[in-house]
Amino acid sequence: MSGIDECLLEAMALPGARGAALVEWISGLALGRIGEAPDGDHETMAAQIAEFARHAIEHPVFAGAAEPGSGTHRGPGRPGDSPPPGAKGPAVQDVIVTAASGYHLLRFLDLPYEGGVFLHLWLDRDIANLALAMIRLRDLAERLVLE
């Protein structure tokens, strides 16, 4: 796969897919979007979900492992931090939110993109297969190339 549009089209082929977006988590900018947005406004949705993603990726509990015996946390997640030796990409890889109306899946991408990006997939809870969606989203993220 070579680009954002192809990635999002493949995401929408998943059973129960209602909407998908590639979002920069620092600025909240949607780099690409397709399908529906939960509140009908893709730009607002991207900004709101990016804020949620920032909280997840910057939270000390998720950002890195505690130093043994130190009681402090280290690790990626905050802008400017580096991953621990041997780690690849952000410490948080996926976030799953289960809502009454559906599932929201976020997959953080390991790409050489300054702002940090994630794929957001919104699924209909009655139709979607959550396990399949997670596997496919991981595959899409690995094949995505930003130009």
N, C-alpha and C. Protein backbone atom coordinates (compact mmCIF):
# COMPACT_ATOMS: atom_id res chain seq x y z
N MET A 1 0.87 -1.16 0.00
CA MET A 1 0.00 0.00 0.00
C MET A 1 0.91 1.22 0.00
N SER A 2 0.47 2.26 -0.65
CA SER A 2 1.36 3.39 -0.75
C SER A 2 0.87 4.65 -0.06
N GLY A 3 -0.42 4.77 0.24
CA GLY A 3 -0.82 6.06 0.76
C GLY A 3 -2.03 6.02 1.67
N ILE A 4 -2.37 7.21 2.13
CA ILE A 4 -3.44 7.40 3.10
C ILE A 4 -4.78 6.94 2.54
N ASP A 5 -5.11 7.36 1.32
CA ASP A 5 -6.42 7.02 0.76
C ASP A 5 -6.62 5.51 0.65
N GLU A 6 -5.61 4.80 0.18
CA GLU A 6 -5.70 3.35 0.05
C GLU A 6 -5.88 2.70 1.41
N CYS A 7 -5.14 3.19 2.40
CA CYS A 7 -5.23 2.66 3.76
C CYS A 7 -6.64 2.83 4.32
N LEU A 8 -7.20 4.02 4.17
CA LEU A 8 -8.52 4.29 4.71
C LEU A 8 -9.61 3.51 3.96
N LEU A 9 -9.44 3.34 2.65
CA LEU A 9 -10.40 2.52 1.89
C LEU A 9 -10.39 1.08 2.37
N GLU A 10 -9.21 0.54 2.63
CA GLU A 10 -9.11 -0.82 3.15
C GLU A 10 -9.73 -0.93 4.54
N ALA A 11 -9.54 0.09 5.36
CA ALA A 11 -10.13 0.08 6.71
C ALA A 11 -11.65 0.05 6.60
N MET A 12 -12.21 0.80 5.66
CA MET A 12 -13.67 0.85 5.50
C MET A 12 -14.25 -0.46 4.95
N ALA A 13 -13.41 -1.34 4.42
CA ALA A 13 -13.87 -2.63 3.93
C ALA A 13 -14.11 -3.62 5.07
N LEU A 14 -13.69 -3.28 6.27
CA LEU A 14 -13.89 -4.16 7.41
C LEU A 14 -15.37 -4.23 7.78
N PRO A 15 -15.86 -5.38 8.22
CA PRO A 15 -17.25 -5.48 8.63
C PRO A 15 -17.58 -4.49 9.75
N GLY A 16 -18.62 -3.72 9.57
CA GLY A 16 -19.07 -2.78 10.59
C GLY A 16 -18.37 -1.44 10.59
N ALA A 17 -17.44 -1.21 9.67
CA ALA A 17 -16.72 0.08 9.63
C ALA A 17 -17.69 1.20 9.31
N ARG A 18 -17.66 2.24 10.13
CA ARG A 18 -18.52 3.41 9.90
C ARG A 18 -17.70 4.62 9.47
N GLY A 19 -16.46 4.71 9.94
CA GLY A 19 -15.61 5.83 9.59
C GLY A 19 -14.18 5.54 9.96
N ALA A 20 -13.26 6.19 9.29
CA ALA A 20 -11.84 6.01 9.55
C ALA A 20 -11.12 7.32 9.27
N ALA A 21 -10.03 7.51 10.00
CA ALA A 21 -9.24 8.74 9.80
C ALA A 21 -7.79 8.48 10.18
N LEU A 22 -6.91 9.21 9.55
CA LEU A 22 -5.51 9.27 9.94
C LEU A 22 -5.33 10.65 10.56
N VAL A 23 -4.94 10.68 11.83
CA VAL A 23 -4.93 11.92 12.59
C VAL A 23 -3.54 12.17 13.18
N GLU A 24 -3.10 13.42 13.10
CA GLU A 24 -1.88 13.83 13.79
C GLU A 24 -2.26 14.12 15.24
N TRP A 25 -1.64 13.41 16.18
CA TRP A 25 -2.10 13.52 17.57
C TRP A 25 -1.62 14.77 18.28
N ILE A 26 -0.65 15.50 17.79
CA ILE A 26 -0.22 16.74 18.42
C ILE A 26 -1.17 17.88 18.05
N SER A 27 -1.45 18.04 16.76
CA SER A 27 -2.28 19.17 16.31
C SER A 27 -3.77 18.85 16.22
N GLY A 28 -4.12 17.57 16.12
CA GLY A 28 -5.51 17.20 15.95
C GLY A 28 -5.99 17.31 14.52
N LEU A 29 -5.07 17.46 13.59
CA LEU A 29 -5.40 17.60 12.17
C LEU A 29 -5.66 16.23 11.56
N ALA A 30 -6.77 16.10 10.83
CA ALA A 30 -7.06 14.87 10.08
C ALA A 30 -6.30 14.92 8.77
N LEU A 31 -5.34 14.03 8.60
CA LEU A 31 -4.56 13.97 7.36
C LEU A 31 -5.34 13.26 6.26
N GLY A 32 -6.33 12.49 6.65
CA GLY A 32 -7.22 11.81 5.72
C GLY A 32 -8.41 11.29 6.50
N ARG A 33 -9.56 11.19 5.83
CA ARG A 33 -10.76 10.70 6.51
C ARG A 33 -11.72 10.13 5.47
N ILE A 34 -12.56 9.21 5.95
CA ILE A 34 -13.53 8.58 5.07
C ILE A 34 -14.70 8.10 5.91
N GLY A 35 -15.86 8.03 5.32
CA GLY A 35 -17.04 7.52 6.01
C GLY A 35 -17.66 8.56 6.93
N GLU A 36 -18.32 8.08 7.96
CA GLU A 36 -19.03 8.94 8.90
C GLU A 36 -18.12 9.39 10.04
N ALA A 37 -18.52 10.45 10.71
CA ALA A 37 -17.91 10.89 11.96
C ALA A 37 -19.00 10.76 13.03
N PRO A 38 -18.63 10.35 14.25
CA PRO A 38 -19.64 10.14 15.29
C PRO A 38 -20.57 11.34 15.51
N ASP A 39 -20.05 12.54 15.43
CA ASP A 39 -20.90 13.72 15.63
C ASP A 39 -21.22 14.43 14.31
N GLY A 40 -20.84 13.83 13.21
CA GLY A 40 -21.12 14.40 11.89
C GLY A 40 -20.07 15.36 11.37
N ASP A 41 -19.10 15.73 12.19
CA ASP A 41 -18.07 16.70 11.80
C ASP A 41 -16.70 16.05 11.94
N HIS A 42 -16.07 15.73 10.81
CA HIS A 42 -14.78 15.05 10.82
C HIS A 42 -13.68 15.86 11.51
N GLU A 43 -13.65 17.15 11.26
CA GLU A 43 -12.58 17.98 11.84
C GLU A 43 -12.69 18.06 13.37
N THR A 44 -13.91 18.23 13.86
CA THR A 44 -14.11 18.27 15.32
C THR A 44 -13.77 16.92 15.93
N MET A 45 -14.22 15.86 15.28
CA MET A 45 -13.92 14.51 15.76
C MET A 45 -12.43 14.28 15.83
N ALA A 46 -11.69 14.67 14.79
CA ALA A 46 -10.25 14.47 14.76
C ALA A 46 -9.58 15.22 15.91
N ALA A 47 -9.99 16.45 16.15
CA ALA A 47 -9.39 17.25 17.23
C ALA A 47 -9.71 16.63 18.59
N GLN A 48 -10.93 16.17 18.78
CA GLN A 48 -11.31 15.60 20.07
C GLN A 48 -10.63 14.26 20.32
N ILE A 49 -10.55 13.44 19.30
CA ILE A 49 -9.91 12.14 19.47
C ILE A 49 -8.41 12.31 19.65
N ALA A 50 -7.81 13.32 19.01
CA ALA A 50 -6.38 13.59 19.19
C ALA A 50 -6.10 14.00 20.63
N GLU A 51 -6.98 14.78 21.22
CA GLU A 51 -6.80 15.16 22.62
C GLU A 51 -6.83 13.92 23.51
N PHE A 52 -7.76 13.03 23.26
CA PHE A 52 -7.84 11.77 24.01
C PHE A 52 -6.56 10.96 23.80
N ALA A 53 -6.10 10.87 22.55
CA ALA A 53 -4.89 10.11 22.23
C ALA A 53 -3.66 10.70 22.93
N ARG A 54 -3.57 12.02 22.96
CA ARG A 54 -2.45 12.68 23.66
C ARG A 54 -2.44 12.30 25.13
N HIS A 55 -3.61 12.30 25.75
CA HIS A 55 -3.69 11.92 27.16
C HIS A 55 -3.19 10.50 27.36
N ALA A 56 -3.57 9.60 26.48
CA ALA A 56 -3.13 8.21 26.60
C ALA A 56 -1.63 8.08 26.40
N ILE A 57 -1.11 8.71 25.35
CA ILE A 57 0.30 8.52 25.02
C ILE A 57 1.24 9.27 25.96
N GLU A 58 0.74 10.35 26.59
CA GLU A 58 1.58 11.12 27.50
C GLU A 58 1.42 10.71 28.96
N HIS A 59 0.44 9.89 29.27
CA HIS A 59 0.21 9.51 30.66
C HIS A 59 1.36 8.64 31.16
N PRO A 60 1.90 8.94 32.33
CA PRO A 60 3.05 8.19 32.83
C PRO A 60 2.80 6.69 32.97
N VAL A 61 1.60 6.29 33.28
CA VAL A 61 1.31 4.87 33.42
C VAL A 61 1.51 4.14 32.10
N PHE A 62 1.15 4.80 30.99
CA PHE A 62 1.26 4.17 29.69
C PHE A 62 2.54 4.53 28.95
N ALA A 63 3.18 5.63 29.33
CA ALA A 63 4.29 6.18 28.56
C ALA A 63 5.56 5.35 28.65
N GLY A 64 5.77 4.62 29.71
CA GLY A 64 6.98 3.83 29.81
C GLY A 64 7.00 3.04 31.09
N ALA A 65 7.95 2.17 31.17
CA ALA A 65 8.08 1.32 32.34
C ALA A 65 8.74 2.10 33.47
N ALA A 66 8.42 1.75 34.70
CA ALA A 66 9.06 2.38 35.85
C ALA A 66 10.50 1.89 35.95
N GLU A 67 11.38 2.80 36.35
CA GLU A 67 12.75 2.41 36.61
C GLU A 67 12.73 1.52 37.87
N PRO A 68 13.40 0.38 37.86
CA PRO A 68 13.38 -0.51 39.02
C PRO A 68 13.81 0.22 40.29
N GLY A 69 12.95 0.19 41.30
CA GLY A 69 13.27 0.77 42.60
C GLY A 69 13.20 2.28 42.67
N SER A 70 12.92 2.97 41.57
CA SER A 70 12.96 4.43 41.60
C SER A 70 11.62 5.06 41.88
N GLY A 71 10.54 4.36 41.58
CA GLY A 71 9.22 4.94 41.74
C GLY A 71 8.90 5.99 40.68
N THR A 72 9.78 6.18 39.72
CA THR A 72 9.53 7.14 38.65
C THR A 72 9.37 6.42 37.33
N HIS A 73 8.77 7.12 36.41
CA HIS A 73 8.55 6.55 35.09
C HIS A 73 9.48 7.19 34.08
N ARG A 74 9.80 6.44 33.08
CA ARG A 74 10.58 6.95 31.97
C ARG A 74 9.91 6.47 30.70
N GLY A 75 10.29 7.02 29.60
CA GLY A 75 9.84 6.44 28.35
C GLY A 75 9.23 7.43 27.40
N PRO A 76 8.86 6.91 26.24
CA PRO A 76 8.32 7.75 25.19
C PRO A 76 6.91 8.19 25.52
N GLY A 77 6.41 9.05 24.69
CA GLY A 77 5.05 9.50 24.84
C GLY A 77 4.98 11.01 24.86
N ARG A 78 5.86 11.63 25.62
CA ARG A 78 5.89 13.08 25.66
C ARG A 78 6.73 13.58 24.50
N PRO A 79 6.32 14.68 23.87
CA PRO A 79 7.10 15.20 22.75
C PRO A 79 8.56 15.40 23.16
N GLY A 80 9.45 14.91 22.33
CA GLY A 80 10.88 15.07 22.59
C GLY A 80 11.50 13.88 23.30
N ASP A 81 10.70 13.00 23.92
CA ASP A 81 11.23 11.83 24.59
C ASP A 81 11.67 10.80 23.57
N SER A 82 12.61 9.99 23.96
CA SER A 82 13.08 8.91 23.11
C SER A 82 12.59 7.59 23.66
N PRO A 83 12.35 6.63 22.78
CA PRO A 83 11.96 5.32 23.29
C PRO A 83 13.12 4.66 24.01
N PRO A 84 12.85 3.74 24.93
CA PRO A 84 13.92 3.03 25.60
C PRO A 84 14.73 2.23 24.59
N PRO A 85 15.97 1.86 24.93
CA PRO A 85 16.79 1.10 24.00
C PRO A 85 16.07 -0.16 23.54
N GLY A 86 16.08 -0.40 22.25
CA GLY A 86 15.45 -1.58 21.68
C GLY A 86 13.97 -1.41 21.39
N ALA A 87 13.34 -0.36 21.92
CA ALA A 87 11.91 -0.15 21.67
C ALA A 87 11.73 0.51 20.32
N LYS A 88 10.60 0.24 19.71
CA LYS A 88 10.31 0.82 18.41
C LYS A 88 8.96 1.51 18.49
N GLY A 89 8.92 2.78 18.12
CA GLY A 89 7.66 3.51 18.10
C GLY A 89 7.21 3.93 19.48
N PRO A 90 6.00 4.49 19.55
CA PRO A 90 5.48 4.95 20.83
C PRO A 90 5.20 3.77 21.76
N ALA A 91 5.26 4.02 23.07
CA ALA A 91 5.00 2.97 24.05
C ALA A 91 3.57 2.46 23.93
N VAL A 92 2.62 3.37 23.70
CA VAL A 92 1.23 2.98 23.50
C VAL A 92 1.07 2.61 22.04
N GLN A 93 0.56 1.41 21.79
CA GLN A 93 0.37 0.97 20.42
C GLN A 93 -1.08 1.08 19.99
N ASP A 94 -1.99 0.67 20.87
CA ASP A 94 -3.41 0.65 20.54
C ASP A 94 -4.22 1.17 21.71
N VAL A 95 -5.36 1.77 21.40
CA VAL A 95 -6.35 2.14 22.39
C VAL A 95 -7.69 1.65 21.86
N ILE A 96 -8.46 0.98 22.71
CA ILE A 96 -9.79 0.50 22.35
C ILE A 96 -10.78 1.15 23.29
N VAL A 97 -11.77 1.83 22.72
CA VAL A 97 -12.85 2.42 23.51
C VAL A 97 -14.13 1.73 23.09
N THR A 98 -14.80 1.15 24.07
CA THR A 98 -16.08 0.50 23.82
C THR A 98 -17.18 1.45 24.28
N ALA A 99 -18.00 1.87 23.34
CA ALA A 99 -19.12 2.77 23.64
C ALA A 99 -20.42 2.04 23.32
N ALA A 100 -21.52 2.58 23.77
CA ALA A 100 -22.82 1.95 23.53
C ALA A 100 -23.09 1.80 22.04
N SER A 101 -22.64 2.78 21.25
CA SER A 101 -22.94 2.77 19.82
C SER A 101 -21.87 2.09 18.98
N GLY A 102 -20.73 1.77 19.55
CA GLY A 102 -19.70 1.15 18.73
C GLY A 102 -18.35 1.11 19.40
N TYR A 103 -17.37 0.70 18.62
CA TYR A 103 -15.98 0.63 19.07
C TYR A 103 -15.19 1.73 18.38
N HIS A 104 -14.25 2.29 19.11
CA HIS A 104 -13.29 3.24 18.55
C HIS A 104 -11.91 2.62 18.75
N LEU A 105 -11.21 2.38 17.67
CA LEU A 105 -9.88 1.80 17.73
C LEU A 105 -8.87 2.84 17.29
N LEU A 106 -7.83 3.01 18.07
CA LEU A 106 -6.73 3.90 17.71
C LEU A 106 -5.47 3.07 17.62
N ARG A 107 -4.76 3.21 16.54
CA ARG A 107 -3.48 2.52 16.34
C ARG A 107 -2.42 3.58 16.07
N PHE A 108 -1.46 3.72 16.99
CA PHE A 108 -0.38 4.68 16.83
C PHE A 108 0.64 4.11 15.85
N LEU A 109 1.10 4.96 14.94
CA LEU A 109 1.99 4.51 13.88
C LEU A 109 3.43 4.89 14.18
N ASP A 110 4.31 4.00 13.79
CA ASP A 110 5.74 4.24 13.90
C ASP A 110 6.24 4.73 12.55
N LEU A 111 6.06 6.04 12.33
CA LEU A 111 6.46 6.65 11.06
C LEU A 111 7.36 7.85 11.32
N PRO A 112 8.23 8.16 10.40
CA PRO A 112 9.08 9.34 10.57
C PRO A 112 8.30 10.62 10.27
N TYR A 113 7.28 10.86 11.06
CA TYR A 113 6.43 12.03 10.88
C TYR A 113 6.52 12.86 12.14
N GLU A 114 6.86 14.11 12.02
CA GLU A 114 7.16 14.99 13.16
C GLU A 114 6.07 15.02 14.23
N GLY A 115 4.81 15.11 13.84
CA GLY A 115 3.74 15.29 14.82
C GLY A 115 3.22 14.03 15.46
N GLY A 116 3.56 12.88 14.97
CA GLY A 116 3.02 11.63 15.48
C GLY A 116 1.60 11.42 14.96
N VAL A 117 1.31 10.26 14.43
CA VAL A 117 0.01 10.00 13.85
C VAL A 117 -0.58 8.69 14.36
N PHE A 118 -1.90 8.61 14.25
CA PHE A 118 -2.59 7.37 14.58
C PHE A 118 -3.73 7.16 13.60
N LEU A 119 -4.10 5.92 13.44
CA LEU A 119 -5.28 5.55 12.67
C LEU A 119 -6.45 5.44 13.64
N HIS A 120 -7.57 6.02 13.29
CA HIS A 120 -8.79 5.90 14.09
C HIS A 120 -9.81 5.17 13.24
N LEU A 121 -10.39 4.12 13.82
CA LEU A 121 -11.43 3.36 13.13
C LEU A 121 -12.65 3.30 14.03
N TRP A 122 -13.78 3.72 13.49
CA TRP A 122 -15.04 3.68 14.22
C TRP A 122 -15.87 2.54 13.65
N LEU A 123 -16.29 1.63 14.53
CA LEU A 123 -17.00 0.42 14.11
C LEU A 123 -18.37 0.33 14.75
N ASP A 124 -19.33 -0.19 14.02
CA ASP A 124 -20.66 -0.49 14.53
C ASP A 124 -20.54 -1.71 15.44
N ARG A 125 -20.96 -1.57 16.67
CA ARG A 125 -20.79 -2.62 17.67
C ARG A 125 -21.57 -3.90 17.32
N ASP A 126 -22.71 -3.77 16.66
CA ASP A 126 -23.55 -4.93 16.36
C ASP A 126 -23.03 -5.77 15.20
N ILE A 127 -22.20 -5.18 14.36
CA ILE A 127 -21.75 -5.87 13.15
C ILE A 127 -20.25 -6.22 13.21
N ALA A 128 -19.47 -5.40 13.86
CA ALA A 128 -18.01 -5.51 13.80
C ALA A 128 -17.47 -6.73 14.53
N ASN A 129 -16.32 -7.16 14.07
CA ASN A 129 -15.54 -8.20 14.74
C ASN A 129 -14.30 -7.48 15.28
N LEU A 130 -14.27 -7.25 16.58
CA LEU A 130 -13.22 -6.45 17.20
C LEU A 130 -11.83 -7.06 17.00
N ALA A 131 -11.71 -8.36 17.16
CA ALA A 131 -10.41 -9.01 16.99
C ALA A 131 -9.90 -8.87 15.56
N LEU A 132 -10.77 -9.11 14.60
CA LEU A 132 -10.39 -8.97 13.19
C LEU A 132 -9.98 -7.53 12.89
N ALA A 133 -10.75 -6.57 13.41
CA ALA A 133 -10.45 -5.16 13.17
C ALA A 133 -9.08 -4.79 13.73
N MET A 134 -8.76 -5.29 14.91
CA MET A 134 -7.45 -4.99 15.51
C MET A 134 -6.31 -5.56 14.67
N ILE A 135 -6.48 -6.77 14.20
CA ILE A 135 -5.44 -7.40 13.38
C ILE A 135 -5.26 -6.63 12.07
N ARG A 136 -6.36 -6.30 11.42
CA ARG A 136 -6.29 -5.59 10.14
C ARG A 136 -5.74 -4.17 10.32
N LEU A 137 -6.11 -3.50 11.40
CA LEU A 137 -5.61 -2.15 11.65
C LEU A 137 -4.10 -2.17 11.86
N ARG A 138 -3.61 -3.17 12.57
CA ARG A 138 -2.16 -3.31 12.76
C ARG A 138 -1.47 -3.53 11.41
N ASP A 139 -2.06 -4.37 10.57
CA ASP A 139 -1.50 -4.63 9.25
C ASP A 139 -1.50 -3.37 8.39
N LEU A 140 -2.60 -2.63 8.40
CA LEU A 140 -2.69 -1.39 7.63
C LEU A 140 -1.63 -0.39 8.09
N ALA A 141 -1.46 -0.28 9.40
CA ALA A 141 -0.49 0.66 9.95
C ALA A 141 0.94 0.30 9.52
N GLU A 142 1.24 -0.98 9.45
CA GLU A 142 2.58 -1.42 9.06
C GLU A 142 2.87 -1.15 7.58
N ARG A 143 1.82 -1.14 6.76
CA ARG A 143 2.01 -0.95 5.32
C ARG A 143 1.85 0.48 4.85
N LEU A 144 1.39 1.36 5.73
CA LEU A 144 1.14 2.74 5.34
C LEU A 144 2.45 3.49 5.10
N VAL A 145 2.49 4.22 4.01
CA VAL A 145 3.65 5.05 3.67
C VAL A 145 3.15 6.49 3.51
N LEU A 146 3.69 7.40 4.32
CA LEU A 146 3.35 8.81 4.18
C LEU A 146 4.38 9.46 3.27
N GLU A 147 3.89 10.22 2.31
CA GLU A 147 4.80 10.86 1.35
C GLU A 147 4.87 12.34 1.61
